[in-house]
Amino acid sequence: MKVTAIISTNETEKVWNALRLTNTFLGTGHEVSIFLMNSGVEAEFIDHELFDIQKNWQIFLERGGNIVSCGTCLQFRKLTDKVSISKIGNLLDCATMVETADKVLNF
């Protein structure tokens, strides 16, 4: 199954659970892509003692997950130059990811 998750929040626990779920899908053989938009583009940079977001990003990438961040959202936040784990995309990329997915998850 092909899964697309859209993360549009920077709330630590929601991002953590989104990554846990998408990592579970990857671990059971599914194809997973994440599109980061709105304040969700900040999710790449969350560092929290209790919710190990960075470890979950590492697992996601090691399992073959695909991450795309909204370029406009990054520009608004002056984060474009700081992106290290995601590709920079746009809403056409998001639309394509949604259109080609069997399941779409929103966080």
N, C-alpha and C. Protein backbone atom coordinates (compact mmCIF):
# COMPACT_ATOMS: atom_id res chain seq x y z
N MET A 1 0.85 -1.17 0.00
CA MET A 1 0.00 0.00 0.00
C MET A 1 0.90 1.24 0.00
N LYS A 2 0.43 2.28 -0.67
CA LYS A 2 1.16 3.55 -0.74
C LYS A 2 0.47 4.56 0.18
N VAL A 3 1.22 5.07 1.16
CA VAL A 3 0.67 5.97 2.17
C VAL A 3 1.33 7.34 2.06
N THR A 4 0.51 8.39 2.10
CA THR A 4 1.02 9.76 2.19
C THR A 4 0.53 10.35 3.50
N ALA A 5 1.45 10.92 4.27
CA ALA A 5 1.09 11.62 5.50
C ALA A 5 1.40 13.09 5.31
N ILE A 6 0.44 13.93 5.66
CA ILE A 6 0.64 15.38 5.61
C ILE A 6 0.74 15.86 7.06
N ILE A 7 1.88 16.42 7.38
CA ILE A 7 2.09 16.97 8.73
C ILE A 7 2.07 18.48 8.61
N SER A 8 1.07 19.11 9.23
CA SER A 8 0.94 20.56 9.13
C SER A 8 0.99 21.23 10.50
N THR A 9 1.63 20.55 11.45
CA THR A 9 1.76 21.09 12.80
C THR A 9 3.19 20.90 13.29
N ASN A 10 3.58 21.75 14.22
CA ASN A 10 4.88 21.56 14.87
C ASN A 10 4.70 21.11 16.32
N GLU A 11 3.48 20.66 16.66
CA GLU A 11 3.22 20.15 18.01
C GLU A 11 3.99 18.84 18.20
N THR A 12 4.87 18.84 19.16
CA THR A 12 5.82 17.74 19.34
C THR A 12 5.16 16.37 19.41
N GLU A 13 4.16 16.20 20.25
CA GLU A 13 3.56 14.88 20.42
C GLU A 13 2.85 14.42 19.15
N LYS A 14 2.21 15.34 18.43
CA LYS A 14 1.54 14.96 17.18
C LYS A 14 2.56 14.53 16.13
N VAL A 15 3.66 15.26 16.03
CA VAL A 15 4.71 14.89 15.08
C VAL A 15 5.30 13.53 15.46
N TRP A 16 5.55 13.34 16.73
CA TRP A 16 6.10 12.07 17.23
C TRP A 16 5.19 10.90 16.86
N ASN A 17 3.90 11.05 17.09
CA ASN A 17 2.96 9.98 16.76
C ASN A 17 2.82 9.78 15.26
N ALA A 18 2.89 10.85 14.49
CA ALA A 18 2.87 10.71 13.03
C ALA A 18 4.06 9.89 12.56
N LEU A 19 5.22 10.16 13.12
CA LEU A 19 6.42 9.41 12.74
C LEU A 19 6.36 7.97 13.22
N ARG A 20 5.86 7.75 14.40
CA ARG A 20 5.72 6.37 14.90
C ARG A 20 4.81 5.56 13.98
N LEU A 21 3.69 6.16 13.57
CA LEU A 21 2.75 5.45 12.70
C LEU A 21 3.35 5.22 11.31
N THR A 22 3.96 6.25 10.73
CA THR A 22 4.53 6.07 9.40
C THR A 22 5.70 5.09 9.44
N ASN A 23 6.47 5.08 10.51
CA ASN A 23 7.54 4.08 10.64
C ASN A 23 6.97 2.67 10.77
N THR A 24 5.82 2.54 11.40
CA THR A 24 5.16 1.24 11.48
C THR A 24 4.75 0.76 10.09
N PHE A 25 4.17 1.66 9.29
CA PHE A 25 3.82 1.30 7.91
C PHE A 25 5.06 0.87 7.13
N LEU A 26 6.14 1.65 7.24
CA LEU A 26 7.37 1.28 6.53
C LEU A 26 7.90 -0.06 7.00
N GLY A 27 7.82 -0.32 8.29
CA GLY A 27 8.32 -1.56 8.86
C GLY A 27 7.54 -2.79 8.44
N THR A 28 6.32 -2.58 7.93
CA THR A 28 5.51 -3.70 7.47
C THR A 28 5.43 -3.75 5.94
N GLY A 29 6.37 -3.05 5.29
CA GLY A 29 6.51 -3.19 3.84
C GLY A 29 5.76 -2.20 2.98
N HIS A 30 5.15 -1.20 3.57
CA HIS A 30 4.41 -0.22 2.78
C HIS A 30 5.33 0.92 2.34
N GLU A 31 4.92 1.62 1.29
CA GLU A 31 5.65 2.78 0.78
C GLU A 31 5.05 4.03 1.42
N VAL A 32 5.90 4.87 2.01
CA VAL A 32 5.39 6.03 2.75
C VAL A 32 6.12 7.30 2.34
N SER A 33 5.33 8.35 2.12
CA SER A 33 5.85 9.69 1.88
C SER A 33 5.22 10.64 2.88
N ILE A 34 5.99 11.64 3.29
CA ILE A 34 5.49 12.68 4.18
C ILE A 34 5.64 14.02 3.48
N PHE A 35 4.57 14.83 3.52
CA PHE A 35 4.65 16.21 3.05
C PHE A 35 4.50 17.11 4.26
N LEU A 36 5.50 17.97 4.47
CA LEU A 36 5.48 18.92 5.58
C LEU A 36 5.01 20.27 5.06
N MET A 37 3.98 20.83 5.72
CA MET A 37 3.49 22.14 5.30
C MET A 37 3.05 22.94 6.52
N ASN A 38 2.76 24.22 6.31
CA ASN A 38 2.43 25.14 7.40
C ASN A 38 3.53 25.03 8.46
N SER A 39 3.18 25.05 9.73
CA SER A 39 4.21 24.96 10.78
C SER A 39 4.84 23.57 10.83
N GLY A 40 4.29 22.62 10.08
CA GLY A 40 4.87 21.28 10.01
C GLY A 40 6.27 21.26 9.43
N VAL A 41 6.62 22.30 8.64
CA VAL A 41 7.99 22.33 8.10
C VAL A 41 9.02 22.46 9.22
N GLU A 42 8.58 22.89 10.40
CA GLU A 42 9.48 22.99 11.55
C GLU A 42 9.72 21.64 12.21
N ALA A 43 8.96 20.62 11.83
CA ALA A 43 9.06 19.30 12.46
C ALA A 43 10.44 18.67 12.28
N GLU A 44 11.10 19.01 11.21
CA GLU A 44 12.44 18.48 10.95
C GLU A 44 13.44 18.91 12.03
N PHE A 45 13.15 20.01 12.69
CA PHE A 45 14.10 20.61 13.63
C PHE A 45 13.75 20.38 15.10
N ILE A 46 12.65 19.69 15.37
CA ILE A 46 12.22 19.48 16.76
C ILE A 46 13.22 18.58 17.49
N ASP A 47 13.67 19.05 18.62
CA ASP A 47 14.57 18.28 19.48
C ASP A 47 13.95 18.29 20.88
N HIS A 48 13.48 17.12 21.32
CA HIS A 48 12.76 17.04 22.59
C HIS A 48 13.28 15.85 23.38
N GLU A 49 13.45 16.04 24.66
CA GLU A 49 14.01 14.99 25.52
C GLU A 49 13.10 13.77 25.64
N LEU A 50 11.80 13.99 25.81
CA LEU A 50 10.86 12.89 26.00
C LEU A 50 10.44 12.23 24.68
N PHE A 51 10.14 13.05 23.68
CA PHE A 51 9.70 12.55 22.38
C PHE A 51 10.88 12.61 21.42
N ASP A 52 11.46 11.46 21.12
CA ASP A 52 12.69 11.42 20.33
C ASP A 52 12.38 11.54 18.84
N ILE A 53 12.08 12.75 18.43
CA ILE A 53 11.72 13.03 17.04
C ILE A 53 12.89 12.73 16.10
N GLN A 54 14.08 13.16 16.46
CA GLN A 54 15.24 12.98 15.57
C GLN A 54 15.53 11.50 15.32
N LYS A 55 15.41 10.68 16.34
CA LYS A 55 15.60 9.23 16.16
C LYS A 55 14.55 8.68 15.20
N ASN A 56 13.32 9.14 15.34
CA ASN A 56 12.25 8.66 14.46
C ASN A 56 12.44 9.12 13.02
N TRP A 57 12.96 10.33 12.82
CA TRP A 57 13.28 10.76 11.45
C TRP A 57 14.35 9.83 10.86
N GLN A 58 15.36 9.51 11.66
CA GLN A 58 16.43 8.63 11.20
C GLN A 58 15.87 7.26 10.79
N ILE A 59 15.00 6.70 11.61
CA ILE A 59 14.37 5.41 11.30
C ILE A 59 13.58 5.53 10.01
N PHE A 60 12.81 6.62 9.87
CA PHE A 60 11.99 6.83 8.68
C PHE A 60 12.85 6.82 7.41
N LEU A 61 13.97 7.53 7.45
CA LEU A 61 14.85 7.58 6.28
C LEU A 61 15.54 6.25 6.04
N GLU A 62 15.98 5.59 7.10
CA GLU A 62 16.64 4.28 6.95
C GLU A 62 15.71 3.25 6.34
N ARG A 63 14.42 3.37 6.59
CA ARG A 63 13.44 2.42 6.05
C ARG A 63 12.95 2.82 4.65
N GLY A 64 13.50 3.89 4.10
CA GLY A 64 13.18 4.26 2.73
C GLY A 64 12.06 5.26 2.57
N GLY A 65 11.69 5.95 3.64
CA GLY A 65 10.64 6.96 3.55
C GLY A 65 11.08 8.18 2.76
N ASN A 66 10.11 8.87 2.21
CA ASN A 66 10.34 10.07 1.40
C ASN A 66 9.75 11.28 2.12
N ILE A 67 10.52 12.36 2.23
CA ILE A 67 10.06 13.57 2.91
C ILE A 67 10.18 14.76 1.97
N VAL A 68 9.08 15.51 1.83
CA VAL A 68 9.07 16.73 1.02
C VAL A 68 8.51 17.85 1.88
N SER A 69 9.19 19.00 1.87
CA SER A 69 8.73 20.18 2.62
C SER A 69 8.23 21.25 1.65
N CYS A 70 7.19 21.95 2.06
CA CYS A 70 6.64 23.06 1.27
C CYS A 70 7.66 24.20 1.23
N GLY A 71 8.13 24.53 0.04
CA GLY A 71 9.12 25.58 -0.11
C GLY A 71 8.63 26.94 0.34
N THR A 72 7.38 27.26 0.03
CA THR A 72 6.82 28.55 0.44
C THR A 72 6.75 28.65 1.96
N CYS A 73 6.33 27.57 2.60
CA CYS A 73 6.25 27.55 4.07
C CYS A 73 7.63 27.72 4.69
N LEU A 74 8.64 27.11 4.08
CA LEU A 74 10.01 27.27 4.56
C LEU A 74 10.48 28.71 4.40
N GLN A 75 10.17 29.31 3.25
CA GLN A 75 10.58 30.70 2.99
C GLN A 75 9.97 31.65 4.02
N PHE A 76 8.68 31.48 4.31
CA PHE A 76 8.03 32.35 5.30
C PHE A 76 8.75 32.31 6.64
N ARG A 77 9.29 31.15 6.98
CA ARG A 77 9.94 30.96 8.28
C ARG A 77 11.45 31.11 8.22
N LYS A 78 11.96 31.47 7.04
CA LYS A 78 13.41 31.63 6.83
C LYS A 78 14.18 30.35 7.20
N LEU A 79 13.65 29.22 6.77
CA LEU A 79 14.25 27.92 7.09
C LEU A 79 14.81 27.20 5.88
N THR A 80 14.67 27.78 4.70
CA THR A 80 15.07 27.08 3.47
C THR A 80 16.51 26.58 3.53
N ASP A 81 17.41 27.40 4.02
CA ASP A 81 18.83 27.03 4.06
C ASP A 81 19.16 26.02 5.16
N LYS A 82 18.23 25.76 6.05
CA LYS A 82 18.48 24.86 7.18
C LYS A 82 18.00 23.43 6.94
N VAL A 83 17.26 23.22 5.87
CA VAL A 83 16.69 21.90 5.58
C VAL A 83 17.81 20.90 5.32
N SER A 84 17.72 19.73 5.97
CA SER A 84 18.76 18.73 5.77
C SER A 84 18.22 17.34 5.44
N ILE A 85 16.99 17.03 5.86
CA ILE A 85 16.50 15.67 5.62
C ILE A 85 15.38 15.61 4.59
N SER A 86 14.79 16.73 4.25
CA SER A 86 13.68 16.71 3.30
C SER A 86 14.07 17.37 1.99
N LYS A 87 13.33 17.01 0.96
CA LYS A 87 13.44 17.70 -0.32
C LYS A 87 12.53 18.92 -0.24
N ILE A 88 12.86 19.96 -0.97
CA ILE A 88 12.01 21.14 -1.00
C ILE A 88 11.08 21.01 -2.20
N GLY A 89 9.78 21.13 -1.94
CA GLY A 89 8.79 20.97 -3.00
C GLY A 89 7.75 22.07 -2.94
N ASN A 90 6.61 21.77 -3.57
CA ASN A 90 5.52 22.75 -3.63
C ASN A 90 4.18 22.01 -3.57
N LEU A 91 3.11 22.75 -3.72
CA LEU A 91 1.78 22.13 -3.61
C LEU A 91 1.48 21.17 -4.76
N LEU A 92 2.14 21.33 -5.89
CA LEU A 92 1.98 20.35 -6.96
C LEU A 92 2.54 18.99 -6.51
N ASP A 93 3.66 19.03 -5.82
CA ASP A 93 4.21 17.79 -5.26
C ASP A 93 3.24 17.16 -4.27
N CYS A 94 2.66 18.00 -3.41
CA CYS A 94 1.69 17.51 -2.43
C CYS A 94 0.48 16.89 -3.14
N ALA A 95 -0.03 17.59 -4.15
CA ALA A 95 -1.19 17.09 -4.89
C ALA A 95 -0.89 15.75 -5.55
N THR A 96 0.29 15.61 -6.11
CA THR A 96 0.69 14.35 -6.74
C THR A 96 0.79 13.24 -5.71
N MET A 97 1.37 13.55 -4.55
CA MET A 97 1.49 12.56 -3.49
C MET A 97 0.12 12.09 -3.02
N VAL A 98 -0.82 13.02 -2.89
CA VAL A 98 -2.18 12.67 -2.47
C VAL A 98 -2.88 11.85 -3.55
N GLU A 99 -2.75 12.28 -4.79
CA GLU A 99 -3.42 11.62 -5.90
C GLU A 99 -2.95 10.18 -6.09
N THR A 100 -1.67 9.92 -5.86
CA THR A 100 -1.13 8.59 -6.12
C THR A 100 -1.15 7.67 -4.90
N ALA A 101 -1.58 8.19 -3.76
CA ALA A 101 -1.60 7.39 -2.53
C ALA A 101 -2.87 6.55 -2.44
N ASP A 102 -2.73 5.40 -1.80
CA ASP A 102 -3.90 4.59 -1.46
C ASP A 102 -4.58 5.13 -0.21
N LYS A 103 -3.78 5.65 0.71
CA LYS A 103 -4.28 6.22 1.96
C LYS A 103 -3.57 7.54 2.22
N VAL A 104 -4.32 8.53 2.71
CA VAL A 104 -3.75 9.82 3.09
C VAL A 104 -4.06 10.07 4.56
N LEU A 105 -3.03 10.38 5.32
CA LEU A 105 -3.16 10.66 6.75
C LEU A 105 -2.84 12.13 6.98
N ASN A 106 -3.62 12.79 7.81
CA ASN A 106 -3.39 14.20 8.11
C ASN A 106 -3.10 14.39 9.59
N PHE A 107 -2.03 15.10 9.88
CA PHE A 107 -1.64 15.40 11.26
C PHE A 107 -1.47 16.90 11.40
